[in-house]
Amino acid sequence: MIRKIHGSPQLINLPISLEKIFAPIIEKIAKLKHKRPLYTQYSLITLQSNSHFSHDKTTKQPQYHTRDFEETIKDIITYILNE
């Protein structure tokens, strides 16, 4: 979806087990180049953690409404690019 909105190039998708192997190398290369790494060991651990949150309580409130997902992604991309 982000490629469709922003036109970003496609990245290679690797299994998370391989990404964990490459994470320390990617972090060191990024540090040498004085850039932010694409991902870190910590970010991979966070992605695998149990992050299930319930919105049942919020859904019961009368003023609650969902937001269009594509609109949300567009706003996030705009924010990041303008940061």
N, C-alpha and C. Protein backbone atom coordinates (compact mmCIF):
# COMPACT_ATOMS: atom_id res chain seq x y z
N MET A 1 0.82 -1.19 0.00
CA MET A 1 0.00 0.00 0.00
C MET A 1 0.87 1.26 0.00
N ILE A 2 1.96 1.24 0.75
CA ILE A 2 2.83 2.41 0.81
C ILE A 2 3.46 2.67 -0.56
N ARG A 3 3.86 1.60 -1.25
CA ARG A 3 4.42 1.78 -2.60
C ARG A 3 3.40 2.44 -3.51
N LYS A 4 2.14 2.03 -3.40
CA LYS A 4 1.07 2.59 -4.24
C LYS A 4 0.88 4.08 -3.95
N ILE A 5 0.93 4.46 -2.69
CA ILE A 5 0.71 5.85 -2.29
C ILE A 5 1.93 6.72 -2.58
N HIS A 6 3.10 6.23 -2.21
CA HIS A 6 4.31 7.04 -2.26
C HIS A 6 5.22 6.71 -3.44
N GLY A 7 5.09 5.52 -3.99
CA GLY A 7 5.94 5.12 -5.11
C GLY A 7 7.31 4.63 -4.66
N SER A 8 7.42 4.11 -3.45
CA SER A 8 8.69 3.62 -2.93
C SER A 8 9.10 2.32 -3.63
N PRO A 9 10.40 2.07 -3.74
CA PRO A 9 10.84 0.80 -4.33
C PRO A 9 10.53 -0.37 -3.40
N GLN A 10 10.35 -1.54 -3.99
CA GLN A 10 10.05 -2.72 -3.19
C GLN A 10 11.32 -3.24 -2.54
N LEU A 11 11.22 -3.58 -1.27
CA LEU A 11 12.33 -4.15 -0.53
C LEU A 11 12.21 -5.67 -0.55
N ILE A 12 13.31 -6.34 -0.31
CA ILE A 12 13.31 -7.79 -0.26
C ILE A 12 12.69 -8.21 1.08
N ASN A 13 11.78 -9.17 1.03
CA ASN A 13 11.17 -9.70 2.25
C ASN A 13 11.88 -10.98 2.64
N LEU A 14 12.43 -10.98 3.85
CA LEU A 14 13.12 -12.16 4.38
C LEU A 14 12.36 -12.71 5.58
N PRO A 15 12.49 -13.99 5.83
CA PRO A 15 11.90 -14.52 7.07
C PRO A 15 12.56 -13.85 8.28
N ILE A 16 11.80 -13.67 9.32
CA ILE A 16 12.31 -12.96 10.50
C ILE A 16 13.52 -13.66 11.11
N SER A 17 13.59 -14.98 10.95
CA SER A 17 14.76 -15.71 11.49
C SER A 17 16.04 -15.27 10.78
N LEU A 18 15.97 -15.03 9.47
CA LEU A 18 17.15 -14.53 8.75
C LEU A 18 17.44 -13.07 9.10
N GLU A 19 16.38 -12.29 9.26
CA GLU A 19 16.57 -10.89 9.63
C GLU A 19 17.28 -10.77 10.98
N LYS A 20 16.96 -11.69 11.90
CA LYS A 20 17.64 -11.68 13.20
C LYS A 20 19.14 -11.94 13.05
N ILE A 21 19.50 -12.77 12.09
CA ILE A 21 20.92 -13.06 11.84
C ILE A 21 21.61 -11.82 11.27
N PHE A 22 20.93 -11.11 10.36
CA PHE A 22 21.54 -9.94 9.70
C PHE A 22 21.45 -8.65 10.51
N ALA A 23 20.59 -8.61 11.51
CA ALA A 23 20.37 -7.38 12.28
C ALA A 23 21.66 -6.78 12.86
N PRO A 24 22.51 -7.56 13.52
CA PRO A 24 23.74 -6.96 14.07
C PRO A 24 24.64 -6.38 12.98
N ILE A 25 24.69 -7.04 11.84
CA ILE A 25 25.52 -6.56 10.73
C ILE A 25 24.94 -5.25 10.18
N ILE A 26 23.64 -5.22 9.99
CA ILE A 26 22.98 -4.01 9.49
C ILE A 26 23.17 -2.85 10.46
N GLU A 27 23.08 -3.13 11.75
CA GLU A 27 23.28 -2.07 12.75
C GLU A 27 24.70 -1.52 12.69
N LYS A 28 25.69 -2.39 12.55
CA LYS A 28 27.09 -1.92 12.49
C LYS A 28 27.37 -1.12 11.22
N ILE A 29 26.84 -1.57 10.10
CA ILE A 29 27.02 -0.83 8.84
C ILE A 29 26.38 0.55 8.95
N ALA A 30 25.18 0.61 9.49
CA ALA A 30 24.49 1.89 9.66
C ALA A 30 25.28 2.82 10.58
N LYS A 31 25.86 2.27 11.63
CA LYS A 31 26.66 3.09 12.55
C LYS A 31 27.90 3.65 11.85
N LEU A 32 28.54 2.83 11.03
CA LEU A 32 29.72 3.29 10.29
C LEU A 32 29.36 4.40 9.29
N LYS A 33 28.17 4.29 8.70
CA LYS A 33 27.73 5.28 7.71
C LYS A 33 27.02 6.47 8.36
N HIS A 34 26.90 6.44 9.68
CA HIS A 34 26.19 7.49 10.43
C HIS A 34 24.76 7.65 9.94
N LYS A 35 24.07 6.51 9.74
CA LYS A 35 22.67 6.51 9.32
C LYS A 35 21.87 5.59 10.24
N ARG A 36 20.56 5.72 10.17
CA ARG A 36 19.69 4.85 10.95
C ARG A 36 19.59 3.51 10.25
N PRO A 37 19.65 2.41 11.00
CA PRO A 37 19.51 1.09 10.38
C PRO A 37 18.07 0.86 9.92
N LEU A 38 17.92 0.03 8.90
CA LEU A 38 16.59 -0.32 8.41
C LEU A 38 15.77 -0.97 9.52
N TYR A 39 16.40 -1.84 10.29
CA TYR A 39 15.79 -2.45 11.46
C TYR A 39 16.89 -2.84 12.44
N THR A 40 16.50 -3.06 13.69
CA THR A 40 17.45 -3.43 14.73
C THR A 40 17.01 -4.75 15.37
N GLN A 41 17.88 -5.31 16.17
CA GLN A 41 17.52 -6.53 16.89
C GLN A 41 16.31 -6.27 17.78
N TYR A 42 16.31 -5.11 18.43
CA TYR A 42 15.20 -4.77 19.33
C TYR A 42 13.88 -4.63 18.56
N SER A 43 13.92 -4.00 17.38
CA SER A 43 12.68 -3.82 16.61
C SER A 43 12.11 -5.17 16.17
N LEU A 44 12.98 -6.12 15.86
CA LEU A 44 12.51 -7.46 15.47
C LEU A 44 11.87 -8.18 16.66
N ILE A 45 12.47 -8.03 17.83
CA ILE A 45 11.90 -8.64 19.04
C ILE A 45 10.53 -8.03 19.33
N THR A 46 10.42 -6.72 19.17
CA THR A 46 9.16 -6.03 19.40
C THR A 46 8.08 -6.50 18.43
N LEU A 47 8.45 -6.71 17.17
CA LEU A 47 7.48 -7.19 16.18
C LEU A 47 6.95 -8.58 16.53
N GLN A 48 7.77 -9.38 17.16
CA GLN A 48 7.36 -10.74 17.50
C GLN A 48 6.64 -10.83 18.85
N SER A 49 6.62 -9.75 19.61
CA SER A 49 5.99 -9.79 20.92
C SER A 49 4.47 -9.82 20.78
N ASN A 50 3.81 -10.17 21.86
CA ASN A 50 2.35 -10.22 21.85
C ASN A 50 1.82 -8.81 21.99
N SER A 51 1.28 -8.27 20.93
CA SER A 51 0.79 -6.89 20.93
C SER A 51 -0.70 -6.82 20.66
N HIS A 52 -1.42 -7.75 21.20
CA HIS A 52 -2.86 -7.77 20.96
C HIS A 52 -3.54 -6.82 21.95
N PHE A 53 -4.18 -5.79 21.39
CA PHE A 53 -4.89 -4.83 22.20
C PHE A 53 -6.36 -4.88 21.83
N SER A 54 -7.21 -4.81 22.82
CA SER A 54 -8.65 -4.83 22.58
C SER A 54 -9.18 -3.40 22.48
N HIS A 55 -10.10 -3.18 21.56
CA HIS A 55 -10.75 -1.87 21.46
C HIS A 55 -12.23 -1.96 21.82
N ASP A 56 -12.59 -3.03 22.53
CA ASP A 56 -14.00 -3.25 22.90
C ASP A 56 -14.58 -2.09 23.70
N LYS A 57 -13.84 -1.58 24.66
CA LYS A 57 -14.34 -0.49 25.50
C LYS A 57 -14.56 0.77 24.65
N THR A 58 -13.65 1.06 23.76
CA THR A 58 -13.77 2.23 22.91
C THR A 58 -14.94 2.09 21.94
N THR A 59 -15.10 0.91 21.37
CA THR A 59 -16.17 0.66 20.40
C THR A 59 -17.55 0.92 20.99
N LYS A 60 -17.71 0.72 22.28
CA LYS A 60 -19.00 0.91 22.94
C LYS A 60 -19.36 2.38 23.11
N GLN A 61 -18.40 3.27 22.97
CA GLN A 61 -18.67 4.70 23.13
C GLN A 61 -19.36 5.24 21.87
N PRO A 62 -20.40 6.05 22.04
CA PRO A 62 -21.18 6.51 20.88
C PRO A 62 -20.39 7.38 19.90
N GLN A 63 -19.42 8.15 20.37
CA GLN A 63 -18.67 9.04 19.48
C GLN A 63 -17.52 8.33 18.75
N TYR A 64 -17.34 7.05 19.00
CA TYR A 64 -16.25 6.30 18.36
C TYR A 64 -16.57 6.01 16.90
N HIS A 65 -15.59 6.25 16.04
CA HIS A 65 -15.70 5.84 14.64
C HIS A 65 -14.31 5.52 14.12
N THR A 66 -14.25 4.56 13.23
CA THR A 66 -12.96 4.17 12.67
C THR A 66 -12.55 5.15 11.58
N ARG A 67 -11.27 5.15 11.29
CA ARG A 67 -10.72 6.02 10.26
C ARG A 67 -10.28 5.17 9.09
N ASP A 68 -10.40 5.69 7.87
CA ASP A 68 -9.98 4.97 6.69
C ASP A 68 -8.49 4.65 6.78
N PHE A 69 -8.13 3.39 6.59
CA PHE A 69 -6.75 2.95 6.75
C PHE A 69 -5.83 3.61 5.73
N GLU A 70 -6.26 3.70 4.48
CA GLU A 70 -5.42 4.31 3.44
C GLU A 70 -5.17 5.79 3.75
N GLU A 71 -6.17 6.49 4.24
CA GLU A 71 -6.01 7.89 4.62
C GLU A 71 -4.99 8.03 5.76
N THR A 72 -5.05 7.10 6.70
CA THR A 72 -4.11 7.10 7.83
C THR A 72 -2.68 6.90 7.33
N ILE A 73 -2.47 5.95 6.43
CA ILE A 73 -1.14 5.70 5.87
C ILE A 73 -0.63 6.92 5.12
N LYS A 74 -1.49 7.57 4.33
CA LYS A 74 -1.09 8.79 3.61
C LYS A 74 -0.63 9.86 4.59
N ASP A 75 -1.38 10.05 5.67
CA ASP A 75 -1.01 11.05 6.67
C ASP A 75 0.32 10.73 7.34
N ILE A 76 0.55 9.46 7.62
CA ILE A 76 1.82 9.05 8.25
C ILE A 76 2.99 9.32 7.30
N ILE A 77 2.84 8.97 6.03
CA ILE A 77 3.90 9.21 5.04
C ILE A 77 4.17 10.70 4.91
N THR A 78 3.12 11.50 4.83
CA THR A 78 3.28 12.95 4.73
C THR A 78 4.02 13.49 5.95
N TYR A 79 3.64 13.03 7.13
CA TYR A 79 4.30 13.47 8.36
C TYR A 79 5.79 13.12 8.35
N ILE A 80 6.10 11.88 8.00
CA ILE A 80 7.50 11.43 8.00
C ILE A 80 8.33 12.22 6.99
N LEU A 81 7.78 12.44 5.80
CA LEU A 81 8.52 13.16 4.76
C LEU A 81 8.72 14.63 5.10
N ASN A 82 7.81 15.21 5.86
CA ASN A 82 7.92 16.63 6.23
C ASN A 82 8.67 16.84 7.54
N GLU A 83 9.05 15.76 8.21
CA GLU A 83 9.73 15.86 9.51
C GLU A 83 11.12 16.43 9.33
